[in-house]
Amino acid sequence: MWCAQPLLWLKVRRRARQEPGYAMAVGERFGLYTRALPPNNAPLLWLHAVSLGETRGARGVLQALRDELPNARWLITHSTATGREAGLALMRPGDLQAWLPWDTPWAVERFLARFRPLAG
């Protein structure tokens, strides 16, 4: 995977020509998060919705979880640009949104160290 990193960057660039949303925050796919996290002591729970369909399907699940855990804030991750765009509608103040990093040990470690979700 280490040797494939340049190819992954090229893949994102090529895909971004067709879907500009893929060019947003590309470093996040490698576990490089630069945005400052807002200070908040509420528990952070993680919901991953890969695509547009999963993001739409997650709406009801997320609402039920919000009803059960009203003080929690949510980290919502996606793997497609259309899913990420649709995920904006699920956000509330205090929630976070990010790309799920590619499945490499270093990217996943940085992701978990950055966000420290209580559960996913």
N, C-alpha and C. Protein backbone atom coordinates (compact mmCIF):
# COMPACT_ATOMS: atom_id res chain seq x y z
N MET A 1 0.82 -1.20 0.00
CA MET A 1 0.00 0.00 0.00
C MET A 1 0.86 1.26 0.00
N TRP A 2 2.00 1.18 0.67
CA TRP A 2 2.88 2.36 0.70
C TRP A 2 3.29 2.74 -0.72
N CYS A 3 3.66 1.76 -1.52
CA CYS A 3 4.09 2.03 -2.90
C CYS A 3 2.93 2.49 -3.77
N ALA A 4 1.71 2.14 -3.41
CA ALA A 4 0.54 2.51 -4.22
C ALA A 4 0.06 3.93 -3.95
N GLN A 5 0.60 4.60 -2.96
CA GLN A 5 0.11 5.95 -2.61
C GLN A 5 0.07 6.91 -3.80
N PRO A 6 1.11 7.00 -4.61
CA PRO A 6 1.01 7.91 -5.77
C PRO A 6 -0.13 7.54 -6.72
N LEU A 7 -0.39 6.26 -6.86
CA LEU A 7 -1.50 5.83 -7.73
C LEU A 7 -2.85 6.23 -7.15
N LEU A 8 -2.96 6.20 -5.83
CA LEU A 8 -4.21 6.62 -5.20
C LEU A 8 -4.46 8.11 -5.42
N TRP A 9 -3.40 8.92 -5.33
CA TRP A 9 -3.53 10.36 -5.60
C TRP A 9 -4.01 10.56 -7.05
N LEU A 10 -3.44 9.81 -7.97
CA LEU A 10 -3.85 9.92 -9.37
C LEU A 10 -5.31 9.49 -9.56
N LYS A 11 -5.71 8.45 -8.87
CA LYS A 11 -7.09 7.99 -8.94
C LYS A 11 -8.05 9.09 -8.51
N VAL A 12 -7.73 9.76 -7.40
CA VAL A 12 -8.59 10.84 -6.91
C VAL A 12 -8.65 11.98 -7.92
N ARG A 13 -7.52 12.34 -8.47
CA ARG A 13 -7.49 13.43 -9.47
C ARG A 13 -8.34 13.10 -10.68
N ARG A 14 -8.19 11.87 -11.18
CA ARG A 14 -8.97 11.45 -12.35
C ARG A 14 -10.47 11.46 -12.03
N ARG A 15 -10.82 10.93 -10.89
CA ARG A 15 -12.24 10.89 -10.50
C ARG A 15 -12.80 12.29 -10.29
N ALA A 16 -11.97 13.20 -9.79
CA ALA A 16 -12.41 14.57 -9.53
C ALA A 16 -12.73 15.32 -10.83
N ARG A 17 -12.16 14.89 -11.92
CA ARG A 17 -12.52 15.53 -13.20
C ARG A 17 -13.98 15.25 -13.55
N GLN A 18 -14.45 14.07 -13.19
CA GLN A 18 -15.84 13.70 -13.46
C GLN A 18 -16.77 14.19 -12.36
N GLU A 19 -16.33 14.12 -11.13
CA GLU A 19 -17.11 14.54 -9.97
C GLU A 19 -16.25 15.44 -9.10
N PRO A 20 -16.41 16.76 -9.23
CA PRO A 20 -15.54 17.69 -8.51
C PRO A 20 -15.49 17.49 -6.99
N GLY A 21 -16.52 16.91 -6.41
CA GLY A 21 -16.52 16.68 -4.96
C GLY A 21 -15.39 15.79 -4.48
N TYR A 22 -14.84 14.98 -5.37
CA TYR A 22 -13.73 14.11 -4.99
C TYR A 22 -12.46 14.91 -4.72
N ALA A 23 -12.39 16.13 -5.19
CA ALA A 23 -11.19 16.95 -4.98
C ALA A 23 -11.21 17.65 -3.62
N MET A 24 -12.30 17.54 -2.88
CA MET A 24 -12.39 18.18 -1.56
C MET A 24 -11.58 17.40 -0.53
N ALA A 25 -10.76 18.07 0.21
CA ALA A 25 -10.05 17.51 1.36
C ALA A 25 -9.42 16.15 1.04
N VAL A 26 -8.69 16.08 -0.05
CA VAL A 26 -8.09 14.82 -0.50
C VAL A 26 -7.19 14.20 0.56
N GLY A 27 -6.49 15.02 1.31
CA GLY A 27 -5.60 14.49 2.34
C GLY A 27 -6.30 13.62 3.37
N GLU A 28 -7.59 13.86 3.59
CA GLU A 28 -8.34 13.06 4.55
C GLU A 28 -8.35 11.59 4.16
N ARG A 29 -8.31 11.31 2.88
CA ARG A 29 -8.31 9.91 2.44
C ARG A 29 -7.03 9.19 2.85
N PHE A 30 -6.00 9.99 3.16
CA PHE A 30 -4.72 9.45 3.61
C PHE A 30 -4.55 9.64 5.13
N GLY A 31 -5.63 10.03 5.80
CA GLY A 31 -5.57 10.24 7.24
C GLY A 31 -4.95 11.56 7.64
N LEU A 32 -4.90 12.52 6.71
CA LEU A 32 -4.32 13.84 6.99
C LEU A 32 -5.47 14.84 7.17
N TYR A 33 -5.73 15.20 8.40
CA TYR A 33 -6.84 16.09 8.73
C TYR A 33 -6.27 17.41 9.21
N THR A 34 -6.62 18.49 8.54
CA THR A 34 -6.03 19.79 8.86
C THR A 34 -7.00 20.74 9.55
N ARG A 35 -8.30 20.51 9.41
CA ARG A 35 -9.26 21.41 10.05
C ARG A 35 -9.20 21.26 11.56
N ALA A 36 -9.27 22.37 12.26
CA ALA A 36 -9.28 22.32 13.72
C ALA A 36 -10.61 21.74 14.19
N LEU A 37 -10.53 20.92 15.21
CA LEU A 37 -11.74 20.36 15.78
C LEU A 37 -12.34 21.36 16.76
N PRO A 38 -13.64 21.59 16.68
CA PRO A 38 -14.24 22.53 17.63
C PRO A 38 -14.20 21.95 19.04
N PRO A 39 -13.94 22.79 20.03
CA PRO A 39 -13.91 22.27 21.40
C PRO A 39 -15.30 21.80 21.82
N ASN A 40 -15.39 20.61 22.31
CA ASN A 40 -16.67 20.06 22.71
C ASN A 40 -16.38 18.80 23.54
N ASN A 41 -16.98 18.72 24.70
CA ASN A 41 -16.75 17.57 25.57
C ASN A 41 -17.81 16.50 25.42
N ALA A 42 -18.80 16.72 24.56
CA ALA A 42 -19.84 15.72 24.36
C ALA A 42 -19.23 14.49 23.69
N PRO A 43 -19.75 13.30 23.99
CA PRO A 43 -19.21 12.11 23.34
C PRO A 43 -19.37 12.18 21.83
N LEU A 44 -18.35 11.72 21.12
CA LEU A 44 -18.36 11.70 19.67
C LEU A 44 -18.62 10.27 19.21
N LEU A 45 -19.70 10.07 18.47
CA LEU A 45 -20.06 8.76 17.93
C LEU A 45 -19.88 8.82 16.42
N TRP A 46 -19.53 7.72 15.83
CA TRP A 46 -19.15 7.68 14.42
C TRP A 46 -20.14 6.85 13.62
N LEU A 47 -20.60 7.44 12.53
CA LEU A 47 -21.50 6.77 11.59
C LEU A 47 -20.85 6.82 10.22
N HIS A 48 -20.66 5.66 9.60
CA HIS A 48 -20.09 5.62 8.25
C HIS A 48 -21.17 5.26 7.25
N ALA A 49 -21.35 6.12 6.28
CA ALA A 49 -22.29 5.88 5.18
C ALA A 49 -21.50 6.04 3.89
N VAL A 50 -21.18 4.94 3.25
CA VAL A 50 -20.27 4.94 2.11
C VAL A 50 -20.74 5.86 0.99
N SER A 51 -21.95 5.64 0.53
CA SER A 51 -22.41 6.24 -0.72
C SER A 51 -23.67 7.07 -0.52
N LEU A 52 -24.17 7.58 -1.61
CA LEU A 52 -25.41 8.37 -1.58
C LEU A 52 -26.56 7.53 -1.02
N GLY A 53 -26.73 6.31 -1.51
CA GLY A 53 -27.82 5.47 -1.03
C GLY A 53 -27.71 5.15 0.45
N GLU A 54 -26.51 4.84 0.91
CA GLU A 54 -26.32 4.55 2.33
C GLU A 54 -26.54 5.79 3.18
N THR A 55 -26.14 6.95 2.67
CA THR A 55 -26.35 8.19 3.41
C THR A 55 -27.84 8.47 3.54
N ARG A 56 -28.56 8.30 2.47
CA ARG A 56 -30.02 8.49 2.54
C ARG A 56 -30.65 7.48 3.50
N GLY A 57 -30.19 6.24 3.45
CA GLY A 57 -30.71 5.21 4.33
C GLY A 57 -30.37 5.43 5.79
N ALA A 58 -29.27 6.12 6.04
CA ALA A 58 -28.82 6.36 7.42
C ALA A 58 -29.63 7.43 8.13
N ARG A 59 -30.40 8.20 7.39
CA ARG A 59 -31.15 9.31 7.99
C ARG A 59 -32.02 8.82 9.16
N GLY A 60 -32.82 7.77 8.94
CA GLY A 60 -33.70 7.27 9.99
C GLY A 60 -32.94 6.67 11.16
N VAL A 61 -31.89 5.95 10.85
CA VAL A 61 -31.06 5.35 11.91
C VAL A 61 -30.44 6.46 12.75
N LEU A 62 -29.90 7.47 12.09
CA LEU A 62 -29.27 8.57 12.81
C LEU A 62 -30.29 9.30 13.68
N GLN A 63 -31.48 9.51 13.17
CA GLN A 63 -32.50 10.20 13.96
C GLN A 63 -32.87 9.39 15.19
N ALA A 64 -33.02 8.09 15.03
CA ALA A 64 -33.33 7.23 16.18
C ALA A 64 -32.20 7.27 17.22
N LEU A 65 -30.96 7.25 16.74
CA LEU A 65 -29.82 7.34 17.65
C LEU A 65 -29.76 8.69 18.35
N ARG A 66 -30.08 9.74 17.62
CA ARG A 66 -30.11 11.08 18.22
C ARG A 66 -31.18 11.15 19.31
N ASP A 67 -32.32 10.51 19.07
CA ASP A 67 -33.40 10.50 20.07
C ASP A 67 -32.95 9.78 21.34
N GLU A 68 -32.20 8.68 21.17
CA GLU A 68 -31.72 7.90 22.31
C GLU A 68 -30.53 8.54 23.01
N LEU A 69 -29.72 9.25 22.25
CA LEU A 69 -28.48 9.84 22.77
C LEU A 69 -28.44 11.33 22.42
N PRO A 70 -29.31 12.12 23.03
CA PRO A 70 -29.45 13.53 22.62
C PRO A 70 -28.22 14.39 22.87
N ASN A 71 -27.34 13.99 23.76
CA ASN A 71 -26.16 14.81 24.06
C ASN A 71 -24.94 14.45 23.24
N ALA A 72 -25.07 13.43 22.42
CA ALA A 72 -23.92 13.01 21.60
C ALA A 72 -23.79 13.91 20.38
N ARG A 73 -22.59 14.00 19.89
CA ARG A 73 -22.36 14.62 18.59
C ARG A 73 -21.84 13.52 17.68
N TRP A 74 -21.92 13.76 16.39
CA TRP A 74 -21.67 12.70 15.42
C TRP A 74 -20.55 13.05 14.46
N LEU A 75 -19.75 12.05 14.16
CA LEU A 75 -18.78 12.11 13.08
C LEU A 75 -19.37 11.25 11.96
N ILE A 76 -19.66 11.87 10.85
CA ILE A 76 -20.24 11.15 9.71
C ILE A 76 -19.18 11.08 8.62
N THR A 77 -18.84 9.86 8.22
CA THR A 77 -17.82 9.66 7.19
C THR A 77 -18.45 9.05 5.95
N HIS A 78 -17.78 9.29 4.83
CA HIS A 78 -18.25 8.82 3.52
C HIS A 78 -17.07 8.37 2.69
N SER A 79 -17.38 7.66 1.62
CA SER A 79 -16.36 7.23 0.66
C SER A 79 -16.62 7.76 -0.74
N THR A 80 -17.81 8.31 -0.99
CA THR A 80 -18.12 8.88 -2.30
C THR A 80 -18.49 10.35 -2.16
N ALA A 81 -18.25 11.09 -3.22
CA ALA A 81 -18.55 12.52 -3.21
C ALA A 81 -20.05 12.77 -3.07
N THR A 82 -20.87 11.95 -3.72
CA THR A 82 -22.32 12.15 -3.63
C THR A 82 -22.81 11.83 -2.22
N GLY A 83 -22.24 10.83 -1.59
CA GLY A 83 -22.60 10.52 -0.22
C GLY A 83 -22.21 11.65 0.72
N ARG A 84 -21.03 12.20 0.50
CA ARG A 84 -20.57 13.31 1.36
C ARG A 84 -21.46 14.53 1.19
N GLU A 85 -21.83 14.82 -0.03
CA GLU A 85 -22.70 15.98 -0.27
C GLU A 85 -24.05 15.79 0.41
N ALA A 86 -24.63 14.60 0.27
CA ALA A 86 -25.91 14.33 0.92
C ALA A 86 -25.79 14.33 2.44
N GLY A 87 -24.62 13.97 2.93
CA GLY A 87 -24.39 13.94 4.37
C GLY A 87 -24.47 15.30 5.03
N LEU A 88 -24.28 16.35 4.26
CA LEU A 88 -24.39 17.70 4.82
C LEU A 88 -25.77 17.93 5.43
N ALA A 89 -26.79 17.33 4.84
CA ALA A 89 -28.16 17.50 5.34
C ALA A 89 -28.38 16.80 6.67
N LEU A 90 -27.50 15.88 7.04
CA LEU A 90 -27.63 15.15 8.30
C LEU A 90 -26.93 15.86 9.46
N MET A 91 -26.14 16.87 9.13
CA MET A 91 -25.31 17.53 10.13
C MET A 91 -26.12 18.46 11.02
N ARG A 92 -25.69 18.52 12.28
CA ARG A 92 -26.22 19.47 13.26
C ARG A 92 -25.03 20.17 13.90
N PRO A 93 -25.26 21.29 14.56
CA PRO A 93 -24.13 21.97 15.21
C PRO A 93 -23.37 21.01 16.13
N GLY A 94 -22.07 21.02 16.03
CA GLY A 94 -21.22 20.15 16.82
C GLY A 94 -20.83 18.87 16.11
N ASP A 95 -21.58 18.50 15.06
CA ASP A 95 -21.25 17.31 14.29
C ASP A 95 -20.06 17.58 13.39
N LEU A 96 -19.40 16.50 12.98
CA LEU A 96 -18.25 16.59 12.09
C LEU A 96 -18.47 15.69 10.89
N GLN A 97 -17.83 16.03 9.79
CA GLN A 97 -17.93 15.21 8.59
C GLN A 97 -16.52 15.06 8.01
N ALA A 98 -16.21 13.87 7.52
CA ALA A 98 -14.88 13.62 6.95
C ALA A 98 -14.96 12.47 5.96
N TRP A 99 -13.92 12.38 5.14
CA TRP A 99 -13.75 11.19 4.31
C TRP A 99 -13.25 10.08 5.21
N LEU A 100 -13.72 8.88 4.99
CA LEU A 100 -13.12 7.73 5.65
C LEU A 100 -11.78 7.49 4.96
N PRO A 101 -10.70 7.34 5.71
CA PRO A 101 -9.41 7.14 5.03
C PRO A 101 -9.34 5.76 4.39
N TRP A 102 -8.44 5.65 3.41
CA TRP A 102 -8.19 4.35 2.82
C TRP A 102 -7.64 3.42 3.89
N ASP A 103 -7.87 2.16 3.69
CA ASP A 103 -7.56 1.14 4.67
C ASP A 103 -6.07 0.82 4.68
N THR A 104 -5.30 1.73 5.25
CA THR A 104 -3.89 1.50 5.49
C THR A 104 -3.66 1.74 6.98
N PRO A 105 -2.74 1.02 7.57
CA PRO A 105 -2.55 1.18 9.02
C PRO A 105 -2.29 2.62 9.44
N TRP A 106 -1.43 3.32 8.72
CA TRP A 106 -1.07 4.69 9.12
C TRP A 106 -2.24 5.65 8.95
N ALA A 107 -3.04 5.51 7.91
CA ALA A 107 -4.17 6.41 7.71
C ALA A 107 -5.26 6.16 8.75
N VAL A 108 -5.54 4.91 9.02
CA VAL A 108 -6.56 4.57 10.02
C VAL A 108 -6.11 5.00 11.41
N GLU A 109 -4.84 4.79 11.73
CA GLU A 109 -4.32 5.22 13.03
C GLU A 109 -4.46 6.73 13.20
N ARG A 110 -4.13 7.50 12.16
CA ARG A 110 -4.26 8.96 12.24
C ARG A 110 -5.72 9.37 12.39
N PHE A 111 -6.61 8.70 11.65
CA PHE A 111 -8.05 8.97 11.74
C PHE A 111 -8.54 8.76 13.18
N LEU A 112 -8.23 7.60 13.75
CA LEU A 112 -8.70 7.29 15.10
C LEU A 112 -8.06 8.20 16.14
N ALA A 113 -6.80 8.54 15.98
CA ALA A 113 -6.13 9.44 16.90
C ALA A 113 -6.71 10.85 16.82
N ARG A 114 -7.10 11.25 15.64
CA ARG A 114 -7.63 12.60 15.45
C ARG A 114 -9.02 12.75 16.07
N PHE A 115 -9.91 11.82 15.77
CA PHE A 115 -11.30 11.98 16.17
C PHE A 115 -11.64 11.26 17.48
N ARG A 116 -10.97 10.18 17.80
CA ARG A 116 -11.22 9.42 19.02
C ARG A 116 -12.71 9.16 19.26
N PRO A 117 -13.38 8.52 18.30
CA PRO A 117 -14.81 8.26 18.52
C PRO A 117 -15.02 7.28 19.66
N LEU A 118 -16.08 7.50 20.42
CA LEU A 118 -16.41 6.61 21.52
C LEU A 118 -16.90 5.26 20.99
N ALA A 119 -17.64 5.30 19.89
CA ALA A 119 -18.16 4.08 19.25
C ALA A 119 -18.44 4.40 17.79
N GLY A 120 -18.49 3.36 16.99
CA GLY A 120 -18.77 3.56 15.58
C GLY A 120 -19.74 2.54 15.07
